[in-house]
PDB file of all heavy atoms in Angstrom:
ATOM      1  N   PHE A   1     -14.470 -18.588 -22.435  1.00  0.00           N
ATOM      2  CA  PHE A   1     -14.461 -18.856 -20.998  1.00  0.00           C
ATOM      3  C   PHE A   1     -15.830 -19.209 -20.462  1.00  0.00           C
ATOM      4  O   PHE A   1     -15.978 -20.135 -19.669  1.00  0.00           O
ATOM      5  CB  PHE A   1     -13.895 -17.632 -20.272  1.00  0.00           C
ATOM      6  CG  PHE A   1     -13.848 -17.770 -18.779  1.00  0.00           C
ATOM      7  CD1 PHE A   1     -12.883 -18.535 -18.172  1.00  0.00           C
ATOM      8  CD2 PHE A   1     -14.781 -17.109 -17.989  1.00  0.00           C
ATOM      9  CE1 PHE A   1     -12.832 -18.658 -16.788  1.00  0.00           C
ATOM     10  CE2 PHE A   1     -14.734 -17.213 -16.622  1.00  0.00           C
ATOM     11  CZ  PHE A   1     -13.762 -18.001 -16.017  1.00  0.00           C
ATOM     12  N   SER A   2     -16.851 -18.503 -20.883  1.00  0.00           N
ATOM     13  CA  SER A   2     -18.169 -18.670 -20.292  1.00  0.00           C
ATOM     14  C   SER A   2     -18.861 -19.960 -20.723  1.00  0.00           C
ATOM     15  O   SER A   2     -19.926 -20.285 -20.242  1.00  0.00           O
ATOM     16  CB  SER A   2     -19.054 -17.479 -20.654  1.00  0.00           C
ATOM     17  OG  SER A   2     -19.219 -17.393 -22.056  1.00  0.00           O
ATOM     18  N   THR A   3     -18.251 -20.703 -21.635  1.00  0.00           N
ATOM     19  CA  THR A   3     -18.878 -21.925 -22.142  1.00  0.00           C
ATOM     20  C   THR A   3     -18.774 -23.093 -21.170  1.00  0.00           C
ATOM     21  O   THR A   3     -19.613 -23.980 -21.184  1.00  0.00           O
ATOM     22  CB  THR A   3     -18.224 -22.326 -23.481  1.00  0.00           C
ATOM     23  OG1 THR A   3     -18.359 -21.260 -24.411  1.00  0.00           O
ATOM     24  CG2 THR A   3     -18.856 -23.586 -24.054  1.00  0.00           C
ATOM     25  N   TYR A   4     -17.754 -23.077 -20.297  1.00  0.00           N
ATOM     26  CA  TYR A   4     -17.481 -24.256 -19.490  1.00  0.00           C
ATOM     27  C   TYR A   4     -17.410 -23.939 -18.006  1.00  0.00           C
ATOM     28  O   TYR A   4     -16.993 -22.852 -17.600  1.00  0.00           O
ATOM     29  CB  TYR A   4     -16.149 -24.871 -19.911  1.00  0.00           C
ATOM     30  CG  TYR A   4     -16.182 -25.353 -21.332  1.00  0.00           C
ATOM     31  CD1 TYR A   4     -15.622 -24.600 -22.359  1.00  0.00           C
ATOM     32  CD2 TYR A   4     -16.792 -26.551 -21.658  1.00  0.00           C
ATOM     33  CE1 TYR A   4     -15.691 -25.032 -23.675  1.00  0.00           C
ATOM     34  CE2 TYR A   4     -16.851 -26.995 -22.969  1.00  0.00           C
ATOM     35  CZ  TYR A   4     -16.301 -26.231 -23.967  1.00  0.00           C
ATOM     36  OH  TYR A   4     -16.359 -26.669 -25.266  1.00  0.00           O
ATOM     37  N   PRO A   5     -17.777 -24.920 -17.192  1.00  0.00           N
ATOM     38  CA  PRO A   5     -17.529 -24.791 -15.753  1.00  0.00           C
ATOM     39  C   PRO A   5     -16.029 -24.719 -15.479  1.00  0.00           C
ATOM     40  O   PRO A   5     -15.199 -25.120 -16.322  1.00  0.00           O
ATOM     41  CB  PRO A   5     -18.118 -26.078 -15.178  1.00  0.00           C
ATOM     42  CG  PRO A   5     -19.095 -26.557 -16.204  1.00  0.00           C
ATOM     43  CD  PRO A   5     -18.524 -26.138 -17.515  1.00  0.00           C
ATOM     44  N   MET A   6     -15.703 -24.240 -14.302  1.00  0.00           N
ATOM     45  CA  MET A   6     -14.309 -24.148 -13.886  1.00  0.00           C
ATOM     46  C   MET A   6     -14.163 -24.751 -12.494  1.00  0.00           C
ATOM     47  O   MET A   6     -15.077 -24.637 -11.658  1.00  0.00           O
ATOM     48  CB  MET A   6     -13.854 -22.687 -13.850  1.00  0.00           C
ATOM     49  CG  MET A   6     -13.848 -21.992 -15.203  1.00  0.00           C
ATOM     50  SD  MET A   6     -12.578 -22.632 -16.304  1.00  0.00           S
ATOM     51  CE  MET A   6     -11.095 -22.128 -15.444  1.00  0.00           C
ATOM     52  N   GLY A   7     -13.030 -25.333 -12.252  1.00  0.00           N
ATOM     53  CA  GLY A   7     -12.803 -25.954 -10.948  1.00  0.00           C
ATOM     54  C   GLY A   7     -11.497 -25.512 -10.312  1.00  0.00           C
ATOM     55  O   GLY A   7     -10.608 -24.979 -10.984  1.00  0.00           O
ATOM     56  N   TRP A   8     -11.434 -25.728  -9.003  1.00  0.00           N
ATOM     57  CA  TRP A   8     -10.206 -25.543  -8.242  1.00  0.00           C
ATOM     58  C   TRP A   8      -9.839 -26.886  -7.582  1.00  0.00           C
ATOM     59  O   TRP A   8     -10.725 -27.571  -7.017  1.00  0.00           O
ATOM     60  CB  TRP A   8     -10.370 -24.493  -7.148  1.00  0.00           C
ATOM     61  CG  TRP A   8     -10.374 -23.079  -7.609  1.00  0.00           C
ATOM     62  CD1 TRP A   8     -11.470 -22.309  -7.875  1.00  0.00           C
ATOM     63  CD2 TRP A   8      -9.222 -22.254  -7.866  1.00  0.00           C
ATOM     64  NE1 TRP A   8     -11.071 -21.052  -8.272  1.00  0.00           N
ATOM     65  CE2 TRP A   8      -9.706 -20.993  -8.271  1.00  0.00           C
ATOM     66  CE3 TRP A   8      -7.848 -22.444  -7.780  1.00  0.00           C
ATOM     67  CZ2 TRP A   8      -8.853 -19.926  -8.601  1.00  0.00           C
ATOM     68  CZ3 TRP A   8      -7.003 -21.398  -8.105  1.00  0.00           C
ATOM     69  CH2 TRP A   8      -7.513 -20.154  -8.507  1.00  0.00           C
ATOM     70  N   PHE A   9      -8.578 -27.210  -7.658  1.00  0.00           N
ATOM     71  CA  PHE A   9      -8.016 -28.373  -6.991  1.00  0.00           C
ATOM     72  C   PHE A   9      -6.835 -27.884  -6.150  1.00  0.00           C
ATOM     73  O   PHE A   9      -6.360 -26.763  -6.327  1.00  0.00           O
ATOM     74  CB  PHE A   9      -7.526 -29.412  -8.000  1.00  0.00           C
ATOM     75  CG  PHE A   9      -8.616 -30.242  -8.601  1.00  0.00           C
ATOM     76  CD1 PHE A   9      -9.539 -29.704  -9.483  1.00  0.00           C
ATOM     77  CD2 PHE A   9      -8.714 -31.603  -8.310  1.00  0.00           C
ATOM     78  CE1 PHE A   9     -10.550 -30.471 -10.031  1.00  0.00           C
ATOM     79  CE2 PHE A   9      -9.716 -32.379  -8.871  1.00  0.00           C
ATOM     80  CZ  PHE A   9     -10.626 -31.822  -9.731  1.00  0.00           C
ATOM     81  N   ARG A  10      -6.348 -28.775  -5.290  1.00  0.00           N
ATOM     82  CA  ARG A  10      -5.133 -28.447  -4.532  1.00  0.00           C
ATOM     83  C   ARG A  10      -4.316 -29.706  -4.304  1.00  0.00           C
ATOM     84  O   ARG A  10      -4.849 -30.815  -4.295  1.00  0.00           O
ATOM     85  CB  ARG A  10      -5.484 -27.796  -3.197  1.00  0.00           C
ATOM     86  CG  ARG A  10      -6.201 -28.701  -2.191  1.00  0.00           C
ATOM     87  CD  ARG A  10      -6.619 -27.901  -0.964  1.00  0.00           C
ATOM     88  NE  ARG A  10      -7.267 -28.741   0.029  1.00  0.00           N
ATOM     89  CZ  ARG A  10      -7.808 -28.276   1.152  1.00  0.00           C
ATOM     90  NH1 ARG A  10      -7.777 -26.965   1.417  1.00  0.00           N
ATOM     91  NH2 ARG A  10      -8.380 -29.103   2.006  1.00  0.00           N
ATOM     92  N   GLN A  11      -3.029 -29.482  -4.099  1.00  0.00           N
ATOM     93  CA  GLN A  11      -2.125 -30.595  -3.843  1.00  0.00           C
ATOM     94  C   GLN A  11      -1.151 -30.213  -2.745  1.00  0.00           C
ATOM     95  O   GLN A  11      -0.345 -29.289  -2.913  1.00  0.00           O
ATOM     96  CB  GLN A  11      -1.369 -30.998  -5.107  1.00  0.00           C
ATOM     97  CG  GLN A  11      -0.548 -32.248  -4.952  1.00  0.00           C
ATOM     98  CD  GLN A  11      -0.081 -32.818  -6.268  1.00  0.00           C
ATOM     99  OE1 GLN A  11      -0.092 -32.141  -7.302  1.00  0.00           O
ATOM    100  NE2 GLN A  11       0.315 -34.065  -6.268  1.00  0.00           N
ATOM    101  N   ALA A  12      -1.257 -30.913  -1.640  1.00  0.00           N
ATOM    102  CA  ALA A  12      -0.358 -30.725  -0.512  1.00  0.00           C
ATOM    103  C   ALA A  12       0.883 -31.602  -0.698  1.00  0.00           C
ATOM    104  O   ALA A  12       0.830 -32.589  -1.448  1.00  0.00           O
ATOM    105  CB  ALA A  12      -1.058 -31.061   0.784  1.00  0.00           C
ATOM    106  N   PRO A  13       1.968 -31.284  -0.026  1.00  0.00           N
ATOM    107  CA  PRO A  13       3.181 -32.096  -0.141  1.00  0.00           C
ATOM    108  C   PRO A  13       2.911 -33.563   0.184  1.00  0.00           C
ATOM    109  O   PRO A  13       2.219 -33.862   1.166  1.00  0.00           O
ATOM    110  CB  PRO A  13       4.115 -31.460   0.876  1.00  0.00           C
ATOM    111  CG  PRO A  13       3.665 -30.054   0.994  1.00  0.00           C
ATOM    112  CD  PRO A  13       2.176 -30.101   0.833  1.00  0.00           C
ATOM    113  N   ARG A  14       3.374 -34.423  -0.683  1.00  0.00           N
ATOM    114  CA  ARG A  14       3.282 -35.878  -0.485  1.00  0.00           C
ATOM    115  C   ARG A  14       1.839 -36.390  -0.499  1.00  0.00           C
ATOM    116  O   ARG A  14       1.557 -37.469   0.007  1.00  0.00           O
ATOM    117  CB  ARG A  14       3.988 -36.302   0.808  1.00  0.00           C
ATOM    118  CG  ARG A  14       5.485 -35.986   0.806  1.00  0.00           C
ATOM    119  CD  ARG A  14       6.109 -36.281   2.150  1.00  0.00           C
ATOM    120  NE  ARG A  14       5.541 -35.464   3.196  1.00  0.00           N
ATOM    121  CZ  ARG A  14       5.861 -34.216   3.425  1.00  0.00           C
ATOM    122  NH1 ARG A  14       6.750 -33.620   2.658  1.00  0.00           N
ATOM    123  NH2 ARG A  14       5.309 -33.551   4.426  1.00  0.00           N
ATOM    124  N   LYS A  15       0.943 -35.605  -1.077  1.00  0.00           N
ATOM    125  CA  LYS A  15      -0.451 -36.045  -1.177  1.00  0.00           C
ATOM    126  C   LYS A  15      -0.933 -35.959  -2.622  1.00  0.00           C
ATOM    127  O   LYS A  15      -0.346 -35.264  -3.441  1.00  0.00           O
ATOM    128  CB  LYS A  15      -1.334 -35.202  -0.266  1.00  0.00           C
ATOM    129  CG  LYS A  15      -1.095 -35.432   1.214  1.00  0.00           C
ATOM    130  CD  LYS A  15      -2.144 -34.723   2.049  1.00  0.00           C
ATOM    131  CE  LYS A  15      -1.964 -35.012   3.530  1.00  0.00           C
ATOM    132  NZ  LYS A  15      -3.002 -34.335   4.360  1.00  0.00           N
ATOM    133  N   GLU A  16      -2.035 -36.633  -2.886  1.00  0.00           N
ATOM    134  CA  GLU A  16      -2.645 -36.587  -4.200  1.00  0.00           C
ATOM    135  C   GLU A  16      -3.354 -35.236  -4.397  1.00  0.00           C
ATOM    136  O   GLU A  16      -3.785 -34.605  -3.440  1.00  0.00           O
ATOM    137  CB  GLU A  16      -3.679 -37.715  -4.338  1.00  0.00           C
ATOM    138  CG  GLU A  16      -3.112 -39.104  -4.253  1.00  0.00           C
ATOM    139  CD  GLU A  16      -2.290 -39.444  -5.476  1.00  0.00           C
ATOM    140  OE1 GLU A  16      -2.706 -39.087  -6.588  1.00  0.00           O
ATOM    141  OE2 GLU A  16      -1.220 -40.073  -5.311  1.00  0.00           O
ATOM    142  N   ARG A  17      -3.464 -34.838  -5.647  1.00  0.00           N
ATOM    143  CA  ARG A  17      -4.233 -33.636  -5.943  1.00  0.00           C
ATOM    144  C   ARG A  17      -5.706 -33.917  -5.631  1.00  0.00           C
ATOM    145  O   ARG A  17      -6.234 -34.986  -5.995  1.00  0.00           O
ATOM    146  CB  ARG A  17      -4.050 -33.247  -7.404  1.00  0.00           C
ATOM    147  CG  ARG A  17      -4.549 -31.839  -7.719  1.00  0.00           C
ATOM    148  CD  ARG A  17      -4.151 -31.427  -9.133  1.00  0.00           C
ATOM    149  NE  ARG A  17      -2.696 -31.362  -9.305  1.00  0.00           N
ATOM    150  CZ  ARG A  17      -2.102 -30.857 -10.369  1.00  0.00           C
ATOM    151  NH1 ARG A  17      -2.832 -30.372 -11.363  1.00  0.00           N
ATOM    152  NH2 ARG A  17      -0.785 -30.855 -10.471  1.00  0.00           N
ATOM    153  N   GLU A  18      -6.357 -32.965  -4.995  1.00  0.00           N
ATOM    154  CA  GLU A  18      -7.738 -33.192  -4.568  1.00  0.00           C
ATOM    155  C   GLU A  18      -8.648 -32.053  -4.995  1.00  0.00           C
ATOM    156  O   GLU A  18      -8.225 -30.898  -5.092  1.00  0.00           O
ATOM    157  CB  GLU A  18      -7.823 -33.373  -3.052  1.00  0.00           C
ATOM    158  CG  GLU A  18      -7.441 -32.161  -2.254  1.00  0.00           C
ATOM    159  CD  GLU A  18      -7.633 -32.363  -0.756  1.00  0.00           C
ATOM    160  OE1 GLU A  18      -7.981 -33.487  -0.323  1.00  0.00           O
ATOM    161  OE2 GLU A  18      -7.464 -31.385  -0.008  1.00  0.00           O
ATOM    162  N   PHE A  19      -9.880 -32.404  -5.211  1.00  0.00           N
ATOM    163  CA  PHE A  19     -10.913 -31.453  -5.587  1.00  0.00           C
ATOM    164  C   PHE A  19     -11.196 -30.471  -4.459  1.00  0.00           C
ATOM    165  O   PHE A  19     -11.242 -30.856  -3.288  1.00  0.00           O
ATOM    166  CB  PHE A  19     -12.189 -32.226  -5.951  1.00  0.00           C
ATOM    167  CG  PHE A  19     -13.424 -31.384  -6.069  1.00  0.00           C
ATOM    168  CD1 PHE A  19     -13.638 -30.616  -7.204  1.00  0.00           C
ATOM    169  CD2 PHE A  19     -14.363 -31.371  -5.072  1.00  0.00           C
ATOM    170  CE1 PHE A  19     -14.786 -29.847  -7.330  1.00  0.00           C
ATOM    171  CE2 PHE A  19     -15.515 -30.610  -5.174  1.00  0.00           C
ATOM    172  CZ  PHE A  19     -15.725 -29.846  -6.314  1.00  0.00           C
ATOM    173  N   VAL A  20     -11.414 -29.209  -4.829  1.00  0.00           N
ATOM    174  CA  VAL A  20     -11.793 -28.187  -3.863  1.00  0.00           C
ATOM    175  C   VAL A  20     -13.182 -27.633  -4.151  1.00  0.00           C
ATOM    176  O   VAL A  20     -14.052 -27.643  -3.289  1.00  0.00           O
ATOM    177  CB  VAL A  20     -10.758 -27.031  -3.848  1.00  0.00           C
ATOM    178  CG1 VAL A  20     -11.232 -25.897  -2.947  1.00  0.00           C
ATOM    179  CG2 VAL A  20      -9.388 -27.531  -3.431  1.00  0.00           C
ATOM    180  N   ALA A  21     -13.382 -27.158  -5.373  1.00  0.00           N
ATOM    181  CA  ALA A  21     -14.671 -26.530  -5.711  1.00  0.00           C
ATOM    182  C   ALA A  21     -14.833 -26.476  -7.220  1.00  0.00           C
ATOM    183  O   ALA A  21     -13.868 -26.528  -7.972  1.00  0.00           O
ATOM    184  CB  ALA A  21     -14.740 -25.124  -5.132  1.00  0.00           C
ATOM    185  N   VAL A  22     -16.093 -26.368  -7.643  1.00  0.00           N
ATOM    186  CA  VAL A  22     -16.414 -26.212  -9.061  1.00  0.00           C
ATOM    187  C   VAL A  22     -17.569 -25.226  -9.182  1.00  0.00           C
ATOM    188  O   VAL A  22     -18.395 -25.112  -8.265  1.00  0.00           O
ATOM    189  CB  VAL A  22     -16.770 -27.571  -9.691  1.00  0.00           C
ATOM    190  CG1 VAL A  22     -18.031 -28.148  -9.077  1.00  0.00           C
ATOM    191  CG2 VAL A  22     -16.894 -27.469 -11.203  1.00  0.00           C
ATOM    192  N   ILE A  23     -17.612 -24.531 -10.314  1.00  0.00           N
ATOM    193  CA  ILE A  23     -18.672 -23.580 -10.563  1.00  0.00           C
ATOM    194  C   ILE A  23     -19.159 -23.748 -11.993  1.00  0.00           C
ATOM    195  O   ILE A  23     -18.366 -23.981 -12.913  1.00  0.00           O
ATOM    196  CB  ILE A  23     -18.188 -22.125 -10.311  1.00  0.00           C
ATOM    197  CG1 ILE A  23     -19.338 -21.137 -10.383  1.00  0.00           C
ATOM    198  CG2 ILE A  23     -17.047 -21.734 -11.253  1.00  0.00           C
ATOM    199  CD1 ILE A  23     -18.995 -19.770  -9.832  1.00  0.00           C
ATOM    200  N   SER A  24     -20.472 -23.656 -12.170  1.00  0.00           N
ATOM    201  CA  SER A  24     -21.054 -23.798 -13.500  1.00  0.00           C
ATOM    202  C   SER A  24     -20.678 -22.626 -14.388  1.00  0.00           C
ATOM    203  O   SER A  24     -20.171 -21.606 -13.914  1.00  0.00           O
ATOM    204  CB  SER A  24     -22.577 -23.900 -13.386  1.00  0.00           C
ATOM    205  OG  SER A  24     -23.103 -22.686 -12.857  1.00  0.00           O
ATOM    206  N   ARG A  25     -20.979 -22.732 -15.663  1.00  0.00           N
ATOM    207  CA  ARG A  25     -20.553 -21.692 -16.594  1.00  0.00           C
ATOM    208  C   ARG A  25     -21.249 -20.358 -16.316  1.00  0.00           C
ATOM    209  O   ARG A  25     -20.684 -19.300 -16.563  1.00  0.00           O
ATOM    210  CB  ARG A  25     -20.791 -22.132 -18.036  1.00  0.00           C
ATOM    211  CG  ARG A  25     -22.185 -22.615 -18.327  1.00  0.00           C
ATOM    212  CD  ARG A  25     -22.282 -23.103 -19.746  1.00  0.00           C
ATOM    213  NE  ARG A  25     -23.586 -23.679 -20.036  1.00  0.00           N
ATOM    214  CZ  ARG A  25     -23.997 -23.976 -21.246  1.00  0.00           C
ATOM    215  NH1 ARG A  25     -23.202 -23.763 -22.291  1.00  0.00           N
ATOM    216  NH2 ARG A  25     -25.183 -24.499 -21.447  1.00  0.00           N
TER     217      ARG A  25
END
């Protein structure tokens, strides 16, 4: 787990998935 950054995305109804946040390892 600690080797890679992790991100959060979100997808609202009828919309494309979009970036929310990312954090370094």
